[in-house]
Amino acid sequence: MNDSVFIGGGGDGYQTAQGLTLKYANRHGLVAGATGTGKTVTLQILAEEFSNAGVPVFLSDVKGDLSGLARPGSPDHKLHGAFTERAEKIQFTDYSYHACPVTFWDLYGDQGHPVRTTVSEMGPLLLTQLLELTEAQEGILNIAFRLADEEGLPLLDLKDLQALLVWIGESRQDLSLRYGNISTQSVGAIQRRLLVLENQGATHLFGEPALALTDLMRTDGAGRGMVNILAADKLMGAPKLYATFLLWLLSELFEELPEVGDPDKPKLVFFFDEAHLLFDDAPKALVDKVEQVARLIRSKGVGVYFITQNPADVPEDILGQLGNRFQHALRAFTAKDRKELRMAADTYRENPRFSTEDAIKEVGVGEAVTSMLQKKGVPGIVERTLIRPPSSQLGPITKAERAAHIQGSDLAGKYEDRLDRKSAFEMLKARSETAAQEAAQAEEKAEELTPVLREFNAGRRYTAPRVARSTSRTTTRKGTGLGQAMTKMVVKELTGTTGRRIVRGILGGLFKGR
């Protein structure tokens, strides 16, 4: 089946040669099932098949098991006999062991090449979700991005955003006239959320060099698609960061890739494991964003496959766009479980040979209820399918093997060294220092001129002749009062100018681009 990827089938009562047509592989898909029912192996064999077909793959390795894709399976494995037996049962005649071309990635840079993006590329919508901001705080974050564009302040890493927020807090009176109320409490709340994010390791995510999407869409010398594996076991400790990063990556693919219509095979297949983390307590704006990406990214040649425990974890509007389904066993211990099971069964095109609801409850480990898109994108009849055995190693590779693989990668050295070019933090710091110097110089000039003005005032003091007591008093008072008034006026003017320069230099001067 050159135009499709082999999934499984065969055996007693099973449809032979279940396959996913490459032409419809960018119509997205769903891999669902309870813990321990075989979702990870299904994900592994899908990655193998897409890679063999020349389609690059991106997936996250939540449990660390998928690193075995980089090594061939072994006849010494304890499941070798079961694998060969299943291959014969489903008529998988050319079954053999082989590895896939793999590139390891890691947001923290420990188990793969570092993955980075800039704060500007992440954007205010995703950052709002990541930081769990209120509506007022989201407004201030949008102001920050607007000012960064207007003032030419690149937002590359977290310290750039933190410095910009400090400036906004100091200039809030002037900025409030243009953009609405800006409270120090809201600015402080955002800074505290950024600190929490920093403690979760987000400093590793934001910065340069940023990830080039072309590095995810490579093939090896034999034309096999590269399998990009993101180490996510540690990242799962910060689930918001994990979900937001994957959504950002999807959004970047959507924004940067050109339209290709309906290609013969996808340009990239993207697996979103633990998909429920993306939708748990997500605001409507974010769900709408995911729906938009899922609906339109198909025309960019990208297929998105959500992996989760229950189809109910995915919103209905998005679930309806997932045409290729792999449903492993669901348990029905409660009334809610039974209701969700019936709902899952109702989404399939019925097979008269068996009850879909019963099949979802009965399939064992390594089995699934499947439905693939057929000609003209019509959903296929639901089938019970034995998933084919993996050709790569089942289970993780060793740390030494991973390290050797990373060092021998074509991308070794490209992302390892962090860049720190001039950006918002350095530019705002320079403006602040310049404004402080100007204020200090103005104050020094004022101090230098004060004795001169006093001397000038003393020389100008005038005392009239004593012609008449009343006139003398009046003239003296006028002369003395005029000199004192001039002195006070000049000193007040200098003092006021100095004060205004200090305020404008430190607070307003930055905004005016001094």
Protein backbone atom coordinates (compact mmCIF):
# COMPACT_ATOMS: atom_id res chain seq x y z
CA MET A 1 0.00 0.00 0.00
CA ASN A 2 2.30 2.76 -1.33
CA ASP A 3 -0.39 5.41 -1.01
CA SER A 4 -1.18 4.61 2.63
CA VAL A 5 0.46 3.74 5.95
CA PHE A 6 -0.17 0.29 7.38
CA ILE A 7 -1.99 0.22 10.73
CA GLY A 8 -2.94 -3.40 11.30
CA GLY A 9 -5.94 -5.67 10.91
CA GLY A 10 -6.09 -9.35 9.93
CA GLY A 11 -6.75 -12.31 12.17
CA ASP A 12 -9.98 -13.85 13.35
CA GLY A 13 -12.90 -11.62 12.48
CA TYR A 14 -10.66 -8.66 11.70
CA GLN A 15 -10.64 -6.68 8.49
CA THR A 16 -7.39 -7.30 6.60
CA ALA A 17 -4.87 -4.52 5.97
CA GLN A 18 -6.26 -1.51 7.76
CA GLY A 19 -4.41 1.53 6.43
CA LEU A 20 -4.46 5.31 6.61
CA THR A 21 -4.47 6.91 3.16
CA LEU A 22 -1.64 9.46 2.91
CA LYS A 23 -3.78 11.79 0.82
CA TYR A 24 -6.14 12.19 3.78
CA ALA A 25 -3.57 12.05 6.55
CA ASN A 26 -3.62 15.85 6.83
CA ARG A 27 -7.32 15.69 7.74
CA HIS A 28 -6.20 15.20 11.35
CA GLY A 29 -6.88 12.40 13.76
CA LEU A 30 -7.50 11.17 17.28
CA VAL A 31 -5.80 8.47 19.35
CA ALA A 32 -7.82 7.85 22.53
CA GLY A 33 -8.04 5.24 25.24
CA ALA A 34 -7.62 4.55 28.93
CA THR A 35 -4.19 4.29 30.54
CA GLY A 36 -2.37 1.09 29.63
CA THR A 37 -4.45 0.21 26.55
CA GLY A 38 -1.68 0.74 23.97
CA LYS A 39 -1.88 4.39 22.87
CA THR A 40 1.90 4.82 23.04
CA VAL A 41 2.57 1.85 20.75
CA THR A 42 -0.03 3.15 18.29
CA LEU A 43 1.74 6.49 18.32
CA GLN A 44 5.07 4.72 17.78
CA ILE A 45 3.93 2.70 14.77
CA LEU A 46 2.25 5.76 13.21
CA ALA A 47 5.53 7.67 13.53
CA GLU A 48 7.39 4.76 11.91
CA GLU A 49 4.97 4.49 9.02
CA PHE A 50 4.88 8.22 8.29
CA SER A 51 8.68 8.37 8.43
CA ASN A 52 8.96 5.43 6.00
CA ALA A 53 6.61 7.29 3.65
CA GLY A 54 8.90 10.34 3.68
CA VAL A 55 6.71 12.42 6.01
CA PRO A 56 8.47 14.27 8.90
CA VAL A 57 6.89 13.83 12.33
CA PHE A 58 6.85 15.89 15.52
CA LEU A 59 5.78 14.25 18.77
CA SER A 60 6.23 14.78 22.50
CA ASP A 61 7.62 11.99 24.64
CA VAL A 62 5.68 12.34 27.87
CA LYS A 63 6.85 9.10 29.54
CA GLY A 64 10.27 8.74 27.91
CA ASP A 65 9.28 5.56 26.06
CA LEU A 66 9.35 6.92 22.52
CA SER A 67 13.11 7.48 22.42
CA GLY A 68 13.28 3.83 21.31
CA LEU A 69 12.35 5.04 17.80
CA ALA A 70 16.05 5.85 17.37
CA ARG A 71 17.05 2.17 17.78
CA PRO A 72 15.94 -0.95 15.92
CA GLY A 73 13.99 -3.61 17.76
CA SER A 74 15.81 -6.77 18.82
CA PRO A 75 15.08 -10.51 18.54
CA ASP A 76 16.27 -10.69 22.14
CA HIS A 77 13.35 -8.60 23.37
CA LYS A 78 10.95 -10.48 25.60
CA LEU A 79 8.03 -9.66 23.28
CA HIS A 80 9.80 -10.76 20.09
CA GLY A 81 7.73 -13.93 19.89
CA ALA A 82 4.47 -12.06 20.41
CA PHE A 83 5.47 -9.50 17.79
CA THR A 84 6.23 -12.07 15.12
CA GLU A 85 3.07 -13.99 15.93
CA ARG A 86 0.95 -10.87 15.57
CA ALA A 87 2.71 -9.95 12.32
CA GLU A 88 1.75 -13.34 10.88
CA LYS A 89 -1.82 -13.03 12.16
CA ILE A 90 -2.42 -9.69 10.48
CA GLN A 91 -0.50 -10.76 7.34
CA PHE A 92 2.30 -8.23 7.87
CA THR A 93 4.68 -10.18 5.62
CA ASP A 94 7.53 -7.67 5.38
CA TYR A 95 7.83 -7.09 9.12
CA SER A 96 11.41 -6.43 10.21
CA TYR A 97 13.35 -4.44 12.80
CA HIS A 98 14.76 -1.03 11.91
CA ALA A 99 15.31 2.38 13.49
CA CYS A 100 13.93 5.73 12.37
CA PRO A 101 15.94 8.89 11.71
CA VAL A 102 15.41 10.80 14.94
CA THR A 103 16.20 14.31 16.21
CA PHE A 104 15.90 14.85 19.95
CA TRP A 105 14.67 18.19 21.32
CA ASP A 106 14.33 19.46 24.87
CA LEU A 107 13.05 22.80 26.11
CA TYR A 108 15.55 22.58 28.98
CA GLY A 109 18.42 21.47 26.74
CA ASP A 110 19.25 18.37 28.82
CA GLN A 111 17.89 15.52 26.67
CA GLY A 112 18.04 17.11 23.25
CA HIS A 113 18.78 20.22 21.25
CA PRO A 114 17.40 23.33 23.02
CA VAL A 115 14.07 24.65 21.76
CA ARG A 116 13.57 28.42 21.98
CA THR A 117 11.25 31.10 20.78
CA THR A 118 11.05 34.82 21.52
CA VAL A 119 8.49 36.61 23.63
CA SER A 120 7.37 38.55 20.54
CA GLU A 121 6.74 35.35 18.59
CA MET A 122 4.74 33.87 21.45
CA GLY A 123 2.43 36.89 21.43
CA PRO A 124 0.05 38.31 24.07
CA LEU A 125 -2.79 35.78 23.58
CA LEU A 126 -0.71 32.70 24.34
CA LEU A 127 1.21 34.48 27.11
CA THR A 128 -2.10 35.45 28.72
CA GLN A 129 -3.10 31.79 28.75
CA LEU A 130 0.31 30.73 30.01
CA LEU A 131 0.29 33.29 32.84
CA GLU A 132 -3.44 32.86 33.60
CA LEU A 133 -4.03 36.62 33.59
CA THR A 134 -7.25 38.50 34.31
CA GLU A 135 -8.88 40.70 31.70
CA ALA A 136 -7.28 43.86 33.14
CA GLN A 137 -3.85 42.23 33.24
CA GLU A 138 -4.30 40.99 29.69
CA GLY A 139 -5.00 44.58 28.63
CA ILE A 140 -1.71 45.77 30.12
CA LEU A 141 0.15 42.93 28.39
CA ASN A 142 -1.36 44.04 25.07
CA ILE A 143 -0.23 47.59 25.79
CA ALA A 144 3.29 46.28 26.42
CA PHE A 145 3.41 44.56 23.03
CA ARG A 146 1.99 47.66 21.33
CA LEU A 147 4.62 49.90 22.91
CA ALA A 148 7.39 47.47 22.04
CA ASP A 149 6.40 47.78 18.37
CA GLU A 150 6.05 51.56 18.47
CA GLU A 151 9.30 52.18 20.33
CA GLY A 152 11.36 49.59 18.45
CA LEU A 153 12.04 47.49 21.56
CA PRO A 154 12.67 43.82 20.66
CA LEU A 155 11.10 41.43 23.17
CA LEU A 156 13.34 38.37 23.04
CA ASP A 157 13.43 36.90 26.53
CA LEU A 158 11.71 37.30 29.88
CA LYS A 159 14.00 40.02 31.17
CA ASP A 160 13.01 42.17 28.17
CA LEU A 161 9.34 41.85 29.08
CA GLN A 162 10.05 42.46 32.76
CA ALA A 163 12.02 45.63 31.97
CA LEU A 164 9.25 46.90 29.69
CA LEU A 165 6.67 46.36 32.42
CA VAL A 166 8.82 48.36 34.87
CA TRP A 167 8.89 51.22 32.37
CA ILE A 168 5.11 51.01 31.90
CA GLY A 169 4.63 51.13 35.67
CA GLU A 170 6.82 54.23 35.99
CA SER A 171 5.18 55.97 33.00
CA ARG A 172 1.64 54.86 33.82
CA GLN A 173 0.24 58.41 34.22
CA ASP A 174 1.22 59.46 30.69
CA LEU A 175 0.36 56.07 29.19
CA SER A 176 -3.05 55.94 30.87
CA LEU A 177 -4.10 59.00 28.87
CA ARG A 178 -3.44 57.08 25.64
CA TYR A 179 -4.34 53.49 26.48
CA GLY A 180 -6.62 53.59 29.51
CA ASN A 181 -6.03 52.99 33.18
CA ILE A 182 -2.81 51.21 34.13
CA SER A 183 -2.56 50.23 37.78
CA THR A 184 0.62 49.31 39.59
CA GLN A 185 -1.26 46.40 41.18
CA SER A 186 -1.93 44.83 37.77
CA VAL A 187 1.63 45.41 36.61
CA GLY A 188 2.90 43.85 39.83
CA ALA A 189 0.61 40.85 39.41
CA ILE A 190 2.00 40.20 35.91
CA GLN A 191 5.56 40.47 37.24
CA ARG A 192 4.78 37.90 39.94
CA ARG A 193 3.32 35.51 37.34
CA LEU A 194 6.45 35.95 35.25
CA LEU A 195 8.53 35.06 38.31
CA VAL A 196 6.54 31.85 38.77
CA LEU A 197 7.00 31.05 35.08
CA GLU A 198 10.71 31.73 35.42
CA ASN A 199 10.92 29.31 38.35
CA GLN A 200 9.26 26.65 36.17
CA GLY A 201 12.11 26.94 33.67
CA ALA A 202 10.55 29.23 31.06
CA THR A 203 13.83 31.16 30.81
CA HIS A 204 15.05 28.20 28.74
CA LEU A 205 12.16 28.61 26.30
CA PHE A 206 12.46 32.33 25.60
CA GLY A 207 15.53 33.61 23.81
CA GLU A 208 17.69 33.13 20.75
CA PRO A 209 18.58 31.38 18.53
CA ALA A 210 14.90 30.64 17.97
CA LEU A 211 13.76 27.34 16.48
CA ALA A 212 13.69 27.28 12.67
CA LEU A 213 10.61 25.36 11.52
CA THR A 214 12.53 24.00 8.54
CA ASP A 215 14.61 21.96 10.99
CA LEU A 216 11.46 20.03 11.90
CA MET A 217 10.61 19.21 8.30
CA ARG A 218 13.73 17.40 7.11
CA THR A 219 14.30 14.02 5.51
CA ASP A 220 17.39 11.82 5.68
CA GLY A 221 19.54 10.62 2.79
CA ALA A 222 17.20 7.73 2.10
CA GLY A 223 14.17 10.03 1.84
CA ARG A 224 12.67 9.01 5.19
CA GLY A 225 10.97 11.70 7.22
CA MET A 226 12.73 12.90 10.35
CA VAL A 227 11.04 11.94 13.61
CA ASN A 228 11.37 14.92 15.98
CA ILE A 229 10.98 13.85 19.61
CA LEU A 230 10.44 16.49 22.30
CA ALA A 231 11.48 15.30 25.77
CA ALA A 232 8.40 16.16 27.83
CA ASP A 233 8.78 14.08 30.99
CA LYS A 234 10.22 17.02 32.94
CA LEU A 235 8.10 19.54 31.05
CA MET A 236 4.93 17.85 32.30
CA GLY A 237 5.72 19.33 35.72
CA ALA A 238 4.59 22.64 34.20
CA PRO A 239 1.51 21.57 32.20
CA LYS A 240 0.53 25.10 31.15
CA LEU A 241 3.99 25.65 29.73
CA TYR A 242 3.83 22.33 27.90
CA ALA A 243 0.42 22.97 26.32
CA THR A 244 1.17 26.59 25.43
CA PHE A 245 4.47 25.68 23.80
CA LEU A 246 2.87 23.03 21.57
CA LEU A 247 0.05 25.40 20.64
CA TRP A 248 2.61 28.08 19.80
CA LEU A 249 4.41 25.61 17.55
CA LEU A 250 1.16 24.78 15.77
CA SER A 251 0.40 28.48 15.36
CA GLU A 252 3.85 29.15 13.91
CA LEU A 253 3.38 26.35 11.39
CA PHE A 254 0.04 27.84 10.45
CA GLU A 255 1.47 31.36 10.05
CA GLU A 256 4.67 30.51 8.16
CA LEU A 257 3.85 27.61 5.85
CA PRO A 258 2.44 28.36 2.39
CA GLU A 259 -0.86 27.02 1.11
CA VAL A 260 -0.52 23.68 -0.67
CA GLY A 261 -4.15 22.59 -0.96
CA ASP A 262 -4.53 18.79 -0.86
CA PRO A 263 -1.05 17.26 -1.30
CA ASP A 264 -0.46 13.58 -2.00
CA LYS A 265 1.01 13.28 1.49
CA PRO A 266 1.44 15.64 4.43
CA LYS A 267 4.44 17.95 4.76
CA LEU A 268 4.45 17.27 8.51
CA VAL A 269 2.40 15.24 10.99
CA PHE A 270 2.10 16.76 14.46
CA PHE A 271 1.13 14.60 17.46
CA PHE A 272 -0.27 16.49 20.47
CA ASP A 273 0.00 14.10 23.43
CA GLU A 274 -1.96 14.71 26.66
CA ALA A 275 -4.26 16.97 24.65
CA HIS A 276 -6.62 17.52 27.58
CA LEU A 277 -4.01 19.85 29.10
CA LEU A 278 -4.65 22.26 26.26
CA PHE A 279 -8.38 22.48 26.86
CA ASP A 280 -8.68 22.24 30.65
CA ASP A 281 -10.12 25.57 31.88
CA ALA A 282 -9.12 27.18 28.59
CA PRO A 283 -10.85 30.50 27.76
CA LYS A 284 -13.09 30.65 24.72
CA ALA A 285 -10.61 32.82 22.83
CA LEU A 286 -7.98 30.11 23.11
CA VAL A 287 -10.34 27.29 22.10
CA ASP A 288 -11.41 29.38 19.10
CA LYS A 289 -7.73 29.79 18.20
CA VAL A 290 -7.15 26.02 18.32
CA GLU A 291 -10.27 25.42 16.23
CA GLN A 292 -9.11 27.95 13.65
CA VAL A 293 -5.66 26.38 13.42
CA ALA A 294 -7.08 22.85 13.19
CA ARG A 295 -9.50 23.88 10.48
CA LEU A 296 -7.07 25.84 8.30
CA ILE A 297 -3.69 24.19 8.83
CA ARG A 298 -4.84 21.22 6.73
CA SER A 299 -4.40 23.38 3.63
CA LYS A 300 -0.78 23.97 4.70
CA GLY A 301 -0.14 20.23 4.45
CA VAL A 302 0.06 19.61 8.21
CA GLY A 303 -1.86 16.83 9.93
CA VAL A 304 -2.61 17.20 13.65
CA TYR A 305 -3.31 14.14 15.81
CA PHE A 306 -4.55 14.57 19.37
CA ILE A 307 -3.71 11.86 21.90
CA THR A 308 -5.85 11.75 25.04
CA GLN A 309 -7.62 9.32 27.36
CA ASN A 310 -11.17 10.18 26.39
CA PRO A 311 -12.63 11.81 23.25
CA ALA A 312 -14.70 13.99 25.57
CA ASP A 313 -11.46 15.79 26.49
CA VAL A 314 -11.54 17.49 23.08
CA PRO A 315 -14.18 20.19 22.39
CA GLU A 316 -16.90 19.12 19.95
CA ASP A 317 -16.07 21.70 17.29
CA ILE A 318 -12.50 20.39 17.14
CA LEU A 319 -13.45 16.72 17.54
CA GLY A 320 -15.62 16.98 14.44
CA GLN A 321 -12.55 17.81 12.36
CA LEU A 322 -10.59 14.69 13.39
CA GLY A 323 -11.34 12.30 10.55
CA ASN A 324 -8.93 9.43 11.33
CA ARG A 325 -9.77 7.67 14.61
CA PHE A 326 -7.92 5.14 16.76
CA GLN A 327 -10.05 4.31 19.77
CA HIS A 328 -8.48 2.02 22.35
CA ALA A 329 -10.47 0.60 25.24
CA LEU A 330 -12.58 2.82 27.46
CA ARG A 331 -13.75 1.71 30.89
CA ALA A 332 -17.33 2.26 32.02
CA PHE A 333 -17.34 2.08 35.81
CA THR A 334 -19.68 5.01 36.49
CA ALA A 335 -22.77 6.53 34.93
CA LYS A 336 -20.64 9.34 33.53
CA ASP A 337 -18.21 6.80 32.00
CA ARG A 338 -21.09 4.96 30.33
CA LYS A 339 -22.51 8.18 28.92
CA GLU A 340 -19.12 9.19 27.50
CA LEU A 341 -18.67 5.70 26.06
CA ARG A 342 -22.00 5.95 24.21
CA MET A 343 -21.05 9.39 22.92
CA ALA A 344 -17.70 8.05 21.66
CA ALA A 345 -19.42 5.13 19.91
CA ASP A 346 -21.94 7.44 18.24
CA THR A 347 -19.18 9.33 16.41
CA TYR A 348 -18.33 6.28 14.26
CA ARG A 349 -19.94 5.00 11.10
CA GLU A 350 -21.65 1.77 12.21
CA ASN A 351 -20.50 -1.70 11.24
CA PRO A 352 -23.39 -4.22 11.01
CA ARG A 353 -21.10 -7.03 12.18
CA PHE A 354 -20.72 -5.78 15.75
CA SER A 355 -21.77 -3.16 18.28
CA THR A 356 -19.30 -0.26 18.36
CA GLU A 357 -20.08 0.47 22.00
CA ASP A 358 -19.40 -3.12 23.03
CA ALA A 359 -16.24 -3.25 20.92
CA ILE A 360 -14.77 -0.16 22.62
CA LYS A 361 -15.27 -1.84 25.99
CA GLU A 362 -13.93 -5.22 24.90
CA VAL A 363 -10.78 -4.53 22.84
CA GLY A 364 -7.61 -5.63 24.61
CA VAL A 365 -4.16 -4.10 24.87
CA GLY A 366 -2.77 -3.47 21.39
CA GLU A 367 -6.23 -3.53 19.80
CA ALA A 368 -8.32 -0.56 18.74
CA VAL A 369 -11.57 0.41 17.12
CA THR A 370 -10.49 2.33 14.03
CA SER A 371 -12.06 4.42 11.30
CA MET A 372 -10.05 6.02 8.47
CA LEU A 373 -11.11 8.51 5.85
CA GLN A 374 -11.75 6.95 2.46
CA LYS A 375 -12.33 8.33 -1.04
CA LYS A 376 -13.51 11.94 -1.12
CA GLY A 377 -12.85 12.17 2.62
CA VAL A 378 -15.82 9.99 3.62
CA PRO A 379 -15.40 8.31 7.06
CA GLY A 380 -14.80 4.59 6.75
CA ILE A 381 -16.87 1.93 8.48
CA VAL A 382 -15.62 1.27 12.01
CA GLU A 383 -13.41 -1.82 12.34
CA ARG A 384 -11.79 -3.77 15.15
CA THR A 385 -8.07 -3.70 14.44
CA LEU A 386 -5.01 -5.47 15.80
CA ILE A 387 -2.31 -2.78 15.78
CA ARG A 388 0.84 -3.93 14.03
CA PRO A 389 3.98 -4.52 16.15
CA PRO A 390 6.67 -1.80 16.19
CA SER A 391 9.86 -2.15 14.14
CA SER A 392 11.87 0.14 16.40
CA GLN A 393 12.84 -0.56 19.99
CA LEU A 394 9.96 -0.79 22.42
CA GLY A 395 10.89 1.30 25.46
CA PRO A 396 13.49 4.01 26.07
CA ILE A 397 17.13 4.04 25.04
CA THR A 398 19.93 4.64 27.57
CA LYS A 399 21.28 8.07 28.49
CA ALA A 400 24.59 7.25 26.84
CA GLU A 401 22.84 6.24 23.61
CA ARG A 402 20.79 9.44 23.63
CA ALA A 403 23.87 11.60 24.27
CA ALA A 404 25.76 9.94 21.41
CA HIS A 405 22.77 10.44 19.11
CA ILE A 406 22.55 14.14 19.98
CA GLN A 407 26.27 14.72 19.42
CA GLY A 408 26.12 12.99 16.04
CA SER A 409 23.10 14.97 14.87
CA ASP A 410 23.31 17.30 11.86
CA LEU A 411 21.98 20.07 14.13
CA ALA A 412 24.63 19.61 16.84
CA GLY A 413 25.96 23.03 17.91
CA LYS A 414 23.30 25.09 16.11
CA TYR A 415 21.08 25.79 19.12
CA GLU A 416 23.28 24.92 22.09
CA ASP A 417 24.87 28.37 22.62
CA ARG A 418 22.40 31.04 23.69
CA LEU A 419 22.62 34.48 22.04
CA ASP A 420 21.96 37.69 23.95
CA ARG A 421 21.85 40.54 21.47
CA LYS A 422 20.75 44.09 22.20
CA SER A 423 17.03 44.11 22.97
CA ALA A 424 14.43 45.88 25.13
CA PHE A 425 16.28 45.27 28.41
CA GLU A 426 19.55 46.82 27.22
CA MET A 427 17.84 49.67 25.34
CA LEU A 428 15.66 50.69 28.29
CA LYS A 429 18.65 50.47 30.62
CA ALA A 430 20.65 52.75 28.32
CA ARG A 431 17.80 55.28 28.16
CA SER A 432 17.45 55.27 31.92
CA GLU A 433 21.18 55.85 32.42
CA THR A 434 21.20 58.71 29.89
CA ALA A 435 18.21 60.35 31.58
CA ALA A 436 19.86 60.01 35.00
CA GLN A 437 23.07 61.61 33.70
CA GLU A 438 21.14 64.54 32.24
CA ALA A 439 19.31 65.06 35.52
CA ALA A 440 22.59 64.96 37.48
CA GLN A 441 24.20 67.48 35.12
CA ALA A 442 21.24 69.83 35.42
CA GLU A 443 21.42 69.64 39.20
CA GLU A 444 25.16 70.37 39.15
CA LYS A 445 24.59 73.45 36.96
CA ALA A 446 21.90 74.66 39.32
CA GLU A 447 24.27 74.32 42.28
CA GLU A 448 27.03 76.17 40.39
CA LEU A 449 24.74 79.07 39.47
CA THR A 450 23.27 79.56 42.94
CA PRO A 451 26.30 81.54 44.44
CA VAL A 452 26.53 83.67 41.29
CA LEU A 453 22.90 84.58 41.53
CA ARG A 454 23.27 85.50 45.16
CA GLU A 455 26.25 87.70 44.35
CA PHE A 456 24.37 89.26 41.48
CA ASN A 457 21.43 89.91 43.75
CA ALA A 458 23.65 91.56 46.38
CA GLY A 459 25.23 93.88 43.76
CA ARG A 460 21.84 94.93 42.46
CA ARG A 461 20.49 95.74 45.89
CA TYR A 462 19.59 99.47 46.00
CA THR A 463 19.05 101.85 48.95
CA ALA A 464 17.49 105.25 48.22
CA PRO A 465 18.51 108.57 50.02
CA ARG A 466 16.58 109.43 53.12
CA VAL A 467 14.46 112.27 51.77
CA ALA A 468 11.35 111.37 53.56
CA ARG A 469 10.82 108.60 56.06
CA SER A 470 7.82 107.19 54.29
CA THR A 471 9.48 107.44 50.83
CA SER A 472 12.75 105.93 52.11
CA ARG A 473 10.97 102.97 53.56
CA THR A 474 8.93 102.48 50.46
CA THR A 475 11.96 102.70 48.13
CA THR A 476 14.09 100.39 50.23
CA ARG A 477 11.37 97.82 50.46
CA LYS A 478 10.80 97.97 46.75
CA GLY A 479 14.48 97.59 45.93
CA THR A 480 15.05 94.80 48.38
CA GLY A 481 11.82 93.09 47.41
CA LEU A 482 12.71 93.26 43.70
CA GLY A 483 16.13 91.66 44.21
CA GLN A 484 14.77 88.93 46.42
CA ALA A 485 11.92 88.29 44.03
CA MET A 486 14.38 87.95 41.12
CA THR A 487 16.55 85.57 43.10
CA LYS A 488 13.62 83.45 44.19
CA MET A 489 12.22 83.45 40.69
CA VAL A 490 15.49 82.32 39.07
CA VAL A 491 16.27 79.71 41.72
CA LYS A 492 12.69 78.44 41.59
CA GLU A 493 12.90 78.26 37.82
CA LEU A 494 16.17 76.30 37.96
CA THR A 495 14.88 74.06 40.68
CA GLY A 496 11.68 73.48 38.78
CA THR A 497 13.58 72.78 35.57
CA THR A 498 15.80 70.32 37.37
CA GLY A 499 12.81 68.60 38.87
CA ARG A 500 11.08 68.45 35.53
CA ARG A 501 14.21 67.07 33.88
CA ILE A 502 14.51 64.40 36.52
CA VAL A 503 10.89 63.33 36.14
CA ARG A 504 10.94 63.60 32.36
CA GLY A 505 14.32 61.89 32.11
CA ILE A 506 13.56 58.93 34.33
CA LEU A 507 9.86 58.45 33.63
CA GLY A 508 8.71 60.37 30.59
CA GLY A 509 12.02 60.61 28.74
CA LEU A 510 12.05 56.91 27.98
CA PHE A 511 8.60 57.15 26.41
CA LYS A 512 9.68 60.11 24.23
CA GLY A 513 12.72 58.16 22.98
CA ARG A 514 15.36 60.37 24.68
